[in-house]
N, C-alpha and C. Protein backbone atom coordinates (compact mmCIF):
# COMPACT_ATOMS: atom_id res chain seq x y z
N MET A 1 0.94 -1.50 0.18
CA MET A 1 0.00 0.10 -0.29
C MET A 1 1.06 1.51 -0.13
N GLY A 2 0.52 2.51 -0.96
CA GLY A 2 1.31 3.55 -0.72
C GLY A 2 0.89 4.48 0.10
N SER A 3 1.73 5.48 0.52
CA SER A 3 1.65 6.10 1.73
C SER A 3 1.11 7.50 1.45
N SER A 4 0.33 7.92 2.60
CA SER A 4 -0.37 9.12 1.94
C SER A 4 0.51 10.37 1.34
N PRO A 5 0.24 11.22 0.36
CA PRO A 5 1.09 11.99 0.64
C PRO A 5 0.96 13.13 1.22
N THR A 6 2.16 13.61 1.70
CA THR A 6 2.82 14.66 2.62
C THR A 6 2.43 16.01 2.16
N ALA A 7 1.17 16.93 3.42
CA ALA A 7 1.41 18.34 3.07
C ALA A 7 2.41 19.27 3.15
N VAL A 8 2.28 19.77 2.26
CA VAL A 8 2.99 20.81 2.28
C VAL A 8 2.80 22.83 2.52
N ALA A 9 2.66 23.11 3.49
CA ALA A 9 1.93 24.19 4.12
C ALA A 9 2.79 25.31 3.32
N SER A 10 1.43 26.06 2.96
CA SER A 10 1.94 27.69 2.43
C SER A 10 2.75 28.95 3.33
N PRO A 11 3.82 29.46 2.84
CA PRO A 11 4.47 29.85 3.02
C PRO A 11 3.51 31.33 3.99
N VAL A 12 3.41 31.88 4.91
CA VAL A 12 2.96 32.69 5.95
C VAL A 12 3.37 34.11 5.25
N TYR A 13 2.15 34.85 4.58
CA TYR A 13 2.25 36.04 4.05
C TYR A 13 2.16 37.18 5.25
N ASN A 14 3.59 37.83 4.95
CA ASN A 14 4.11 38.97 5.82
C ASN A 14 3.38 40.33 5.44
N PRO A 15 2.14 40.98 5.44
CA PRO A 15 1.97 42.54 4.93
C PRO A 15 3.12 43.37 4.87
N VAL A 16 3.31 44.79 4.31
CA VAL A 16 3.79 45.74 4.75
C VAL A 16 3.57 46.30 6.12
N ASN A 17 4.23 46.58 6.88
CA ASN A 17 3.51 47.23 8.12
C ASN A 17 3.55 49.11 7.84
N ILE A 18 2.75 49.54 7.65
CA ILE A 18 2.53 50.51 6.60
C ILE A 18 2.46 51.68 7.98
N PRO A 19 2.32 52.11 8.83
CA PRO A 19 2.79 52.90 10.14
C PRO A 19 4.16 52.91 10.10
N GLN A 20 4.84 51.82 10.20
CA GLN A 20 6.03 51.76 10.72
C GLN A 20 6.96 51.97 9.53
N THR A 21 6.29 52.21 8.35
CA THR A 21 7.11 52.51 7.05
C THR A 21 6.55 53.67 6.70
N ALA A 22 5.84 54.23 6.96
CA ALA A 22 5.32 55.85 7.22
C ALA A 22 6.46 56.53 7.91
N THR A 23 6.88 55.76 8.99
CA THR A 23 7.49 56.58 10.03
C THR A 23 8.95 56.51 9.51
N ASP A 24 9.25 55.56 9.49
CA ASP A 24 10.88 55.30 8.65
C ASP A 24 10.80 56.28 7.66
N ALA A 25 10.05 56.52 6.91
CA ALA A 25 10.10 57.25 5.33
C ALA A 25 10.23 58.67 6.06
N MET A 26 9.24 59.40 7.16
CA MET A 26 9.38 60.72 7.28
C MET A 26 10.25 60.56 7.97
N ASN A 27 11.20 59.59 9.08
CA ASN A 27 12.84 60.06 9.91
C ASN A 27 13.94 60.30 8.69
N ALA A 28 13.60 59.19 7.82
CA ALA A 28 14.50 59.49 6.68
C ALA A 28 14.80 60.72 6.06
N ASP A 29 13.17 61.40 5.64
CA ASP A 29 13.21 62.23 4.94
C ASP A 29 13.80 63.43 5.84
N ILE A 30 13.38 63.69 6.52
CA ILE A 30 14.17 64.61 7.68
C ILE A 30 15.49 64.54 8.25
N ALA A 31 16.00 63.39 8.07
CA ALA A 31 17.41 63.28 8.36
C ALA A 31 18.15 63.55 7.03
N GLY A 32 17.85 63.59 6.02
CA GLY A 32 18.38 64.30 4.61
C GLY A 32 18.37 65.29 4.60
N PHE A 33 16.78 66.39 4.75
CA PHE A 33 16.82 67.54 4.95
C PHE A 33 17.88 68.47 5.72
N ASN A 34 18.07 67.49 7.06
CA ASN A 34 19.22 68.35 8.12
C ASN A 34 20.17 68.12 7.38
N TRP A 35 20.48 66.95 6.67
CA TRP A 35 22.33 66.92 6.35
C TRP A 35 22.19 67.82 4.93
N SER A 36 21.58 68.25 4.46
CA SER A 36 21.54 68.92 3.32
C SER A 36 21.34 70.32 3.55
N ASP A 37 20.79 70.89 4.86
CA ASP A 37 20.79 72.26 4.99
C ASP A 37 22.33 72.50 5.91
N ALA A 38 22.66 71.39 6.60
CA ALA A 38 23.94 71.60 7.53
C ALA A 38 25.34 71.38 6.46
N ASN A 39 25.38 70.77 5.11
CA ASN A 39 26.25 70.85 4.18
C ASN A 39 26.33 71.93 3.58
N THR A 40 25.08 72.68 3.10
CA THR A 40 24.88 74.17 2.53
C THR A 40 25.88 75.03 3.39
N LEU A 41 25.23 74.95 4.31
CA LEU A 41 25.59 76.01 5.19
C LEU A 41 27.21 76.09 5.35
N ALA A 42 27.52 75.00 5.59
CA ALA A 42 28.99 74.62 5.87
C ALA A 42 29.98 74.84 4.50
N ASN A 43 29.25 74.68 3.65
CA ASN A 43 30.20 75.10 1.86
C ASN A 43 29.72 76.55 1.68
N TYR A 44 28.45 76.64 1.55
CA TYR A 44 28.08 78.15 1.53
C TYR A 44 27.38 79.31 2.28
N PRO A 45 28.11 79.46 3.38
CA PRO A 45 27.47 80.17 4.61
C PRO A 45 26.74 81.61 4.07
N GLY A 46 27.80 82.07 3.18
CA GLY A 46 27.14 83.77 2.28
C GLY A 46 25.92 83.29 1.55
N LEU A 47 25.61 82.66 0.99
CA LEU A 47 24.32 82.06 0.12
C LEU A 47 23.36 82.02 1.16
N VAL A 48 23.37 80.79 2.30
CA VAL A 48 22.33 81.07 3.30
C VAL A 48 22.16 82.04 4.03
N ALA A 49 23.16 83.23 4.31
CA ALA A 49 22.70 84.41 5.37
C ALA A 49 21.99 85.34 4.32
N GLY A 50 22.34 85.24 2.81
CA GLY A 50 21.85 86.51 2.06
C GLY A 50 20.24 85.79 1.78
N ASN A 51 20.08 84.64 1.58
CA ASN A 51 18.71 83.96 1.18
C ASN A 51 18.02 84.37 2.58
N THR A 52 18.61 84.21 3.36
CA THR A 52 17.42 84.63 4.66
C THR A 52 17.03 85.95 5.08
N ALA A 53 18.35 87.08 4.89
CA ALA A 53 17.99 88.23 4.46
C ALA A 53 17.40 88.73 3.55
N ASN A 54 17.14 87.97 2.35
CA ASN A 54 16.55 88.56 1.25
C ASN A 54 15.00 88.45 1.71
N ILE A 55 14.91 87.02 2.83
CA ILE A 55 13.64 86.54 2.60
C ILE A 55 13.09 87.63 3.97
N GLN A 56 13.65 87.80 5.04
CA GLN A 56 13.40 88.74 5.99
C GLN A 56 13.04 90.28 5.35
N GLN A 57 13.83 90.77 4.63
CA GLN A 57 13.60 91.94 3.91
C GLN A 57 12.37 92.05 3.47
N THR A 58 12.08 91.08 2.38
CA THR A 58 10.75 91.12 1.28
C THR A 58 9.64 90.75 2.03
N TYR A 59 9.41 90.23 3.42
CA TYR A 59 8.62 89.90 4.42
C TYR A 59 8.11 91.20 5.11
N ASN A 60 9.11 92.08 5.51
CA ASN A 60 9.69 93.40 6.26
C ASN A 60 8.42 93.97 4.98
N ALA A 61 9.10 94.34 4.12
CA ALA A 61 8.54 95.56 3.11
C ALA A 61 7.40 95.10 2.96
N LEU A 62 6.67 94.04 2.74
CA LEU A 62 5.11 93.47 2.28
C LEU A 62 4.40 94.02 3.39
N ASN A 63 4.89 93.71 5.09
CA ASN A 63 4.15 93.98 6.21
C ASN A 63 4.21 94.82 7.16
N GLY A 64 5.26 95.94 7.11
CA GLY A 64 5.61 96.79 7.93
C GLY A 64 5.09 98.22 6.90
N PRO A 65 5.05 98.97 7.87
CA PRO A 65 4.97 100.47 7.32
C PRO A 65 5.86 100.99 6.38
N LEU A 66 5.03 101.85 5.39
CA LEU A 66 5.93 102.68 4.36
C LEU A 66 6.91 103.10 5.11
N ASP A 67 8.60 102.55 4.38
CA ASP A 67 9.72 103.14 5.06
C ASP A 67 9.86 104.58 4.80
N SER A 68 9.98 105.95 5.84
CA SER A 68 9.85 107.28 5.62
C SER A 68 10.67 107.65 4.50
N THR A 69 11.82 107.12 4.29
CA THR A 69 12.68 107.57 3.28
C THR A 69 11.75 107.97 1.95
N VAL A 70 11.22 106.63 1.76
CA VAL A 70 10.24 105.90 0.67
C VAL A 70 9.22 107.07 0.66
N GLN A 71 8.38 107.04 1.47
CA GLN A 71 7.01 108.33 1.63
C GLN A 71 7.42 109.37 1.01
N ASN A 72 8.89 109.77 1.41
CA ASN A 72 9.15 111.30 1.36
C ASN A 72 9.48 111.35 -0.19
N GLN A 73 10.09 110.64 -0.51
CA GLN A 73 10.38 110.69 -1.93
C GLN A 73 9.05 110.49 -3.03
N PHE A 74 7.91 109.79 -2.40
CA PHE A 74 6.85 109.65 -3.15
C PHE A 74 6.20 110.97 -2.84
N VAL A 75 6.10 111.75 -1.55
CA VAL A 75 5.39 113.32 -1.74
C VAL A 75 6.00 113.68 -2.50
N SER A 76 7.55 114.09 -2.38
CA SER A 76 8.36 115.07 -3.54
C SER A 76 7.91 115.19 -4.69
N GLN A 77 7.92 113.49 -5.55
CA GLN A 77 7.59 113.13 -6.80
C GLN A 77 6.09 114.03 -7.11
N GLY A 78 5.38 113.35 -5.84
CA GLY A 78 3.64 114.27 -6.35
C GLY A 78 3.77 115.50 -6.16
N ALA A 79 4.50 115.94 -5.31
CA ALA A 79 4.65 117.39 -5.06
C ALA A 79 5.50 118.07 -6.71
N SER A 80 5.98 117.72 -7.03
CA SER A 80 6.72 118.11 -7.89
C SER A 80 5.54 117.76 -9.31
N GLY A 81 5.10 116.92 -9.66
CA GLY A 81 4.29 116.92 -10.67
C GLY A 81 2.74 117.70 -10.55
N ALA A 82 2.76 117.91 -9.45
CA ALA A 82 1.31 118.90 -9.02
C ALA A 82 1.64 120.08 -9.46
N LEU A 83 2.86 120.33 -9.00
CA LEU A 83 3.59 121.74 -9.60
C LEU A 83 3.45 122.46 -10.86
N GLY A 84 4.03 121.07 -11.27
CA GLY A 84 4.19 121.07 -12.81
C GLY A 84 2.45 121.21 -13.64
N SER A 85 1.53 120.76 -12.98
CA SER A 85 0.32 120.64 -13.62
C SER A 85 -0.55 121.77 -13.17
N PHE A 86 -0.64 122.08 -11.67
CA PHE A 86 -1.45 123.27 -11.31
C PHE A 86 -0.55 124.41 -10.89
N GLY A 87 0.41 124.31 -10.81
CA GLY A 87 1.00 125.21 -9.99
C GLY A 87 1.03 125.68 -9.07
N GLY A 88 0.95 124.58 -8.20
CA GLY A 88 1.29 124.26 -6.61
C GLY A 88 1.39 123.03 -6.34
N GLY A 89 0.77 123.06 -4.96
CA GLY A 89 1.07 121.52 -4.56
C GLY A 89 2.38 121.73 -3.46
N ASN A 90 2.13 120.88 -2.23
CA ASN A 90 2.75 120.93 -1.04
C ASN A 90 2.86 119.53 -0.19
N PRO A 91 4.20 119.10 -0.07
CA PRO A 91 4.38 117.94 0.48
C PRO A 91 3.65 117.99 1.88
N MET A 92 3.06 118.82 2.50
CA MET A 92 3.00 118.58 3.46
C MET A 92 1.00 118.53 3.55
N ALA A 93 0.67 118.13 2.12
CA ALA A 93 -0.91 117.79 2.13
C ALA A 93 -1.35 116.86 2.79
N THR A 94 -0.34 115.54 2.73
CA THR A 94 -1.35 114.32 3.04
C THR A 94 -1.29 114.28 4.95
N LEU A 95 -0.86 115.12 5.31
CA LEU A 95 -0.75 115.24 6.95
C LEU A 95 -2.20 116.40 7.43
N GLY A 96 -2.43 116.44 6.82
CA GLY A 96 -3.85 117.22 7.19
C GLY A 96 -3.53 118.65 7.62
N ASP A 97 -2.83 119.33 7.63
CA ASP A 97 -2.35 120.36 8.22
C ASP A 97 -2.06 121.92 7.76
N VAL A 98 -2.63 121.52 6.08
CA VAL A 98 -2.23 122.57 5.25
C VAL A 98 -3.91 122.82 4.67
N LYS A 99 -4.11 123.89 4.00
CA LYS A 99 -5.82 124.12 3.28
C LYS A 99 -5.15 123.10 2.12
N SER A 100 -6.62 122.33 1.65
CA SER A 100 -6.32 121.66 0.56
C SER A 100 -6.47 122.41 -0.79
N GLY A 101 -5.95 121.57 -1.93
CA GLY A 101 -6.28 122.16 -3.27
C GLY A 101 -6.23 121.31 -4.21
N ALA A 102 -6.03 121.77 -5.41
CA ALA A 102 -5.71 121.05 -6.61
C ALA A 102 -4.38 120.26 -6.51
N GLY A 103 -3.41 121.11 -5.87
CA GLY A 103 -1.82 120.50 -6.02
C GLY A 103 -1.89 119.83 -5.11
N SER A 104 -2.78 120.05 -3.87
CA SER A 104 -2.85 119.38 -2.83
C SER A 104 -3.46 118.02 -2.64
N ASN A 105 -4.47 118.06 -3.50
CA ASN A 105 -5.30 116.90 -4.10
C ASN A 105 -4.16 116.10 -4.67
N ALA A 106 -3.54 116.56 -5.98
CA ALA A 106 -2.75 115.41 -6.78
C ALA A 106 -1.34 115.04 -6.11
N THR A 107 -0.85 115.74 -5.08
CA THR A 107 0.06 115.02 -4.19
C THR A 107 -0.51 113.74 -3.35
N ALA A 108 -1.41 113.90 -3.10
CA ALA A 108 -2.19 112.86 -1.95
C ALA A 108 -2.21 111.76 -3.03
N SER A 109 -2.81 112.18 -3.91
CA SER A 109 -3.60 111.00 -4.93
C SER A 109 -2.01 110.44 -5.75
N SER A 110 -0.68 111.01 -5.96
CA SER A 110 0.25 110.74 -6.39
C SER A 110 0.88 109.47 -5.26
N LEU A 111 0.90 109.89 -3.71
CA LEU A 111 0.86 109.12 -3.25
C LEU A 111 0.67 108.17 -3.03
N ALA A 112 -0.35 107.94 -3.21
CA ALA A 112 -1.57 106.76 -2.46
C ALA A 112 -1.47 105.72 -3.94
N ASN A 113 -1.15 106.11 -4.96
CA ASN A 113 -1.13 105.49 -6.06
C ASN A 113 0.73 104.90 -6.12
N GLN A 114 1.28 105.49 -5.68
CA GLN A 114 2.79 105.33 -5.95
C GLN A 114 3.01 103.83 -4.87
N THR A 115 2.33 104.19 -3.52
CA THR A 115 2.05 103.28 -2.50
C THR A 115 1.79 102.03 -2.75
N MET A 116 0.60 101.93 -3.57
CA MET A 116 -0.08 100.74 -4.19
C MET A 116 0.60 100.03 -4.83
N ASN A 117 1.19 100.98 -5.85
CA ASN A 117 2.15 100.03 -7.17
C ASN A 117 3.24 99.40 -6.01
N LEU A 118 4.16 100.18 -5.12
CA LEU A 118 4.60 99.60 -4.53
C LEU A 118 4.75 98.03 -3.59
N GLN A 119 3.08 98.55 -3.36
CA GLN A 119 2.53 97.08 -2.34
C GLN A 119 2.66 96.06 -3.61
N ASP A 120 2.18 96.40 -4.50
CA ASP A 120 1.94 95.33 -5.98
C ASP A 120 3.38 94.50 -6.03
N ALA A 121 4.35 95.64 -6.06
CA ALA A 121 5.66 94.90 -6.49
C ALA A 121 6.07 94.00 -5.12
N ASN A 122 5.62 94.53 -4.20
CA ASN A 122 6.54 93.85 -2.57
C ASN A 122 5.60 92.29 -2.86
N ARG A 123 4.34 92.44 -2.99
CA ARG A 123 3.61 91.06 -3.37
C ARG A 123 4.47 90.03 -4.14
N THR A 124 4.26 90.80 -5.31
CA THR A 124 4.88 90.01 -6.58
C THR A 124 6.65 89.61 -6.11
N ALA A 125 7.21 90.03 -5.34
CA ALA A 125 8.61 89.85 -4.75
C ALA A 125 8.49 88.91 -3.84
N TRP A 126 7.57 88.91 -2.50
CA TRP A 126 7.13 87.63 -2.16
C TRP A 126 6.96 86.05 -2.64
N ASP A 127 6.29 86.62 -3.47
CA ASP A 127 5.59 85.61 -4.41
C ASP A 127 6.76 84.49 -4.77
N THR A 128 7.56 85.62 -5.41
CA THR A 128 8.78 85.25 -6.51
C THR A 128 10.10 84.50 -5.25
N ILE A 129 10.19 85.14 -4.40
CA ILE A 129 10.90 84.37 -3.64
C ILE A 129 10.71 83.30 -2.66
N THR A 130 9.27 83.15 -2.19
CA THR A 130 8.88 81.54 -1.82
C THR A 130 8.53 81.08 -2.48
N ASN A 131 8.81 81.05 -4.29
CA ASN A 131 8.28 80.26 -4.95
C ASN A 131 10.10 79.67 -5.60
N GLN A 132 11.09 79.99 -5.09
CA GLN A 132 12.27 79.38 -5.68
C GLN A 132 12.41 78.07 -4.49
N SER A 133 13.09 77.21 -5.46
CA SER A 133 12.84 75.66 -4.94
C SER A 133 13.56 75.89 -3.61
N GLN A 134 14.74 76.77 -3.50
CA GLN A 134 15.10 76.09 -1.87
C GLN A 134 14.23 76.87 -1.02
N ASN A 135 13.14 77.46 -1.32
CA ASN A 135 12.23 78.08 -0.14
C ASN A 135 11.00 77.49 -0.14
N LEU A 136 10.68 76.39 -1.09
CA LEU A 136 9.50 75.64 -0.99
C LEU A 136 9.57 75.04 -0.21
N PRO A 137 7.89 74.95 0.58
CA PRO A 137 7.65 73.55 1.51
C PRO A 137 7.94 72.37 1.16
N ARG A 138 8.58 71.71 2.44
CA ARG A 138 8.92 70.14 2.47
C ARG A 138 8.10 69.43 2.45
N ALA A 139 7.87 68.12 1.28
CA ALA A 139 7.04 67.15 2.12
C ALA A 139 8.09 65.91 2.20
N ALA A 140 7.93 65.30 3.49
CA ALA A 140 8.32 64.51 3.94
C ALA A 140 7.62 63.27 4.21
N GLY A 141 8.18 62.17 4.39
CA GLY A 141 7.44 60.81 4.60
C GLY A 141 6.58 60.44 3.46
N LEU A 142 5.55 59.32 3.47
CA LEU A 142 5.27 58.94 2.40
C LEU A 142 3.68 60.06 1.83
N SER A 143 3.36 60.06 0.85
CA SER A 143 2.45 60.42 0.02
C SER A 143 1.00 59.69 0.46
N GLY A 144 -0.06 60.55 -0.07
CA GLY A 144 -1.37 59.85 0.41
C GLY A 144 -1.68 58.45 -0.84
N GLY A 145 -0.78 59.20 -2.02
CA GLY A 145 -0.59 58.01 -3.11
C GLY A 145 0.01 56.90 -2.65
N ASP A 146 1.13 56.95 -2.18
CA ASP A 146 1.91 55.90 -1.43
C ASP A 146 1.63 55.05 -0.86
N ILE A 147 0.61 55.25 0.31
CA ILE A 147 -0.56 54.66 1.47
C ILE A 147 -1.26 53.92 0.54
N ALA A 148 -1.73 54.82 -0.47
CA ALA A 148 -2.96 54.10 -1.21
C ALA A 148 -2.32 52.98 -1.96
N ASN A 149 -0.90 52.78 -2.33
CA ASN A 149 -0.40 51.91 -3.20
C ASN A 149 -0.04 50.48 -2.47
N LEU A 150 0.63 51.24 -1.08
CA LEU A 150 0.97 50.06 -0.27
C LEU A 150 -0.49 49.21 0.21
N SER A 151 -1.38 49.56 0.76
CA SER A 151 -2.45 48.97 0.90
C SER A 151 -2.94 48.39 -0.01
N ILE A 152 -3.20 48.80 -1.62
CA ILE A 152 -3.21 47.50 -2.49
C ILE A 152 -2.63 46.82 -2.54
N ALA A 153 -1.19 46.63 -2.58
CA ALA A 153 -0.05 45.88 -2.51
C ALA A 153 -0.48 44.77 -1.46
N ASN A 154 -0.48 45.30 -0.43
CA ASN A 154 -1.13 44.46 0.99
C ASN A 154 -2.46 43.42 0.45
N SER A 155 -3.23 44.14 0.14
CA SER A 155 -4.68 43.36 -0.58
C SER A 155 -4.21 42.14 -1.38
N GLY A 156 -3.50 42.90 -2.44
CA GLY A 156 -3.51 41.65 -3.56
C GLY A 156 -2.42 40.47 -2.91
N GLY A 157 -1.26 40.87 -2.28
CA GLY A 157 -0.73 40.08 -1.80
C GLY A 157 -1.30 38.89 -0.68
N LEU A 158 -1.95 39.48 0.13
CA LEU A 158 -3.26 38.62 0.90
C LEU A 158 -4.12 37.59 0.03
N SER A 159 -4.52 38.33 -0.71
CA SER A 159 -5.51 37.71 -1.79
C SER A 159 -5.03 36.59 -2.24
N ALA A 160 -3.50 36.89 -3.16
CA ALA A 160 -2.63 35.32 -3.64
C ALA A 160 -2.48 34.55 -3.07
N SER A 161 -1.76 34.94 -1.57
CA SER A 161 -1.57 33.84 -0.56
C SER A 161 -3.05 32.63 -0.35
N ASN A 162 -3.95 33.58 -0.11
CA ASN A 162 -5.05 32.69 0.09
C ASN A 162 -5.56 31.89 -0.99
N GLN A 163 -5.36 32.08 -1.93
CA GLN A 163 -5.37 31.48 -3.28
C GLN A 163 -4.74 30.22 -3.42
N ALA A 164 -3.07 30.78 -2.77
CA ALA A 164 -2.27 29.51 -3.00
C ALA A 164 -2.72 28.45 -1.95
N ALA A 165 -2.72 28.84 -0.83
CA ALA A 165 -3.34 28.17 0.29
C ALA A 165 -4.51 27.10 -0.32
N TYR A 166 -5.64 27.84 -0.70
CA TYR A 166 -6.62 27.20 -1.11
C TYR A 166 -6.56 25.89 -2.35
N ALA A 167 -5.63 26.43 -2.97
CA ALA A 167 -4.88 25.54 -4.12
C ALA A 167 -4.35 24.45 -3.83
N GLY A 168 -3.46 24.58 -2.78
CA GLY A 168 -2.70 23.88 -1.96
C GLY A 168 -3.70 22.83 -1.29
N SER A 169 -4.56 23.28 -0.88
CA SER A 169 -5.58 22.53 -0.07
C SER A 169 -6.40 21.64 -0.87
N VAL A 170 -6.64 22.10 -2.22
CA VAL A 170 -7.28 21.44 -3.15
C VAL A 170 -6.33 19.88 -4.02
N ASN A 171 -5.36 20.39 -3.80
CA ASN A 171 -4.28 19.71 -4.65
C ASN A 171 -4.02 18.65 -3.86
N GLN A 172 -4.07 18.87 -2.50
CA GLN A 172 -3.45 17.75 -1.28
C GLN A 172 -4.82 16.94 -0.79
N SER A 173 -6.24 17.52 -1.45
CA SER A 173 -7.16 16.69 -1.38
C SER A 173 -7.26 15.70 -2.51
N ASN A 174 -6.91 16.25 -3.84
CA ASN A 174 -6.97 15.43 -4.99
C ASN A 174 -5.76 14.37 -4.80
N ALA A 175 -4.67 14.56 -4.18
CA ALA A 175 -3.75 13.53 -4.29
C ALA A 175 -4.32 12.37 -3.13
N SER A 176 -5.17 13.00 -1.98
CA SER A 176 -4.94 12.03 -1.24
C SER A 176 -6.39 11.32 -2.08
N ASN A 177 -7.11 11.73 -2.89
CA ASN A 177 -8.46 10.75 -3.39
C ASN A 177 -7.89 9.90 -4.16
N ALA A 178 -6.85 10.61 -5.10
CA ALA A 178 -6.38 9.48 -5.93
C ALA A 178 -5.76 8.57 -5.45
N GLN A 179 -4.53 8.47 -4.39
CA GLN A 179 -3.95 7.46 -3.29
C GLN A 179 -4.96 6.41 -3.01
N SER A 180 -6.03 7.22 -2.36
CA SER A 180 -7.11 6.19 -1.77
C SER A 180 -7.76 5.40 -2.97
N ASN A 181 -7.78 6.16 -4.41
CA ASN A 181 -8.40 4.90 -5.41
C ASN A 181 -7.53 4.37 -5.70
N ALA A 182 -6.17 4.21 -5.66
CA ALA A 182 -4.92 3.45 -5.84
C ALA A 182 -4.78 2.10 -4.71
N ASN A 183 -5.17 2.52 -4.02
CA ASN A 183 -5.19 1.65 -2.75
C ASN A 183 -6.44 0.96 -3.04
N THR A 184 -7.58 1.56 -3.05
CA THR A 184 -8.90 0.34 -3.43
C THR A 184 -8.77 -0.48 -4.75
N THR A 185 -7.93 0.12 -6.00
CA THR A 185 -7.76 -1.00 -6.93
C THR A 185 -6.92 -1.85 -6.68
N ALA A 186 -5.75 -1.53 -6.19
CA ALA A 186 -5.11 -2.56 -5.69
C ALA A 186 -5.50 -3.41 -4.57
N GLU A 187 -6.12 -3.47 -3.65
CA GLU A 187 -6.70 -4.41 -2.89
C GLU A 187 -7.68 -5.33 -3.66
N ALA A 188 -8.45 -4.60 -4.52
CA ALA A 188 -9.40 -5.25 -5.58
C ALA A 188 -8.64 -6.29 -6.14
N SER A 189 -7.89 -6.00 -6.77
CA SER A 189 -7.05 -6.57 -7.48
C SER A 189 -6.27 -8.00 -6.98
N ALA A 190 -5.96 -7.53 -5.51
CA ALA A 190 -5.69 -8.89 -4.64
C ALA A 190 -6.45 -9.69 -4.48
N ALA A 191 -7.61 -9.06 -4.41
CA ALA A 191 -8.86 -9.97 -3.58
C ALA A 191 -9.22 -10.90 -4.93
N ALA A 192 -9.04 -10.58 -6.13
CA ALA A 192 -9.49 -11.27 -7.25
C ALA A 192 -8.43 -12.44 -8.04
N ALA A 193 -7.23 -11.90 -7.29
CA ALA A 193 -5.96 -12.89 -7.55
C ALA A 193 -6.41 -14.07 -6.55
N VAL A 194 -6.52 -13.49 -5.53
CA VAL A 194 -6.91 -14.90 -4.87
C VAL A 194 -8.18 -15.61 -4.68
N LEU A 195 -9.21 -15.09 -5.28
CA LEU A 195 -10.45 -15.93 -5.57
C LEU A 195 -9.91 -16.76 -6.69
N ALA A 196 -9.40 -16.21 -7.74
CA ALA A 196 -9.25 -16.44 -8.93
C ALA A 196 -7.92 -18.10 -8.69
N ALA A 197 -7.15 -17.90 -7.73
CA ALA A 197 -6.24 -19.08 -7.15
C ALA A 197 -7.05 -20.16 -6.91
N VAL A 198 -7.93 -19.51 -5.65
CA VAL A 198 -9.07 -20.55 -4.86
C VAL A 198 -9.96 -21.19 -6.02
N ILE A 199 -10.29 -20.78 -7.09
CA ILE A 199 -11.11 -21.81 -7.95
C ILE A 199 -10.35 -22.40 -8.59
N ALA A 200 -9.03 -22.00 -9.19
CA ALA A 200 -8.36 -23.37 -10.07
C ALA A 200 -7.71 -24.35 -9.19
N ALA A 201 -7.70 -24.00 -7.66
CA ALA A 201 -7.38 -25.21 -7.00
C ALA A 201 -8.61 -26.39 -6.83
N LEU A 202 -9.64 -26.16 -7.09
CA LEU A 202 -10.69 -26.59 -7.17
C LEU A 202 -10.96 -27.72 -8.09
């Protein structure tokens, strides 16, 4: 009689540990950023200092009060323009302590327009500097797409593992049935041979 086939266990499926992988990716990215920053500072200190100062100066220009020197220059330009147009104009018109007139109004209007233009220029400068590659926000760790792909891979791997285990179970069952049928056939053949020998001896 043949022995029954030995069952072969399917390998255990080990899915990707997504939370741990996300933590490892975050730590690796942060370590890389820190190394890059330290290396740049060590090799190009002037570049780092200049960029930092540029950012601060642009921020101050955008959010702080109008520099007095610039304001005085705007007023002088407005007064000069008013003088040419109306024969008057007073640099003190915007302070409210002189009588208003066509020239005074023109000076105030010029100051307002030039100030708005400067603000527009400052906003453009801020947008430009914050969109430079070295100043863009950094993304660390896994993205949403990365996590979704890992989840899909885990689901697919688990499904494949379950299918392999099922196929192994079916193959084991088929092999056992085949062995059992073979054993039954052998037993029947042996019994028929014994019966034939008994009949021949009579």
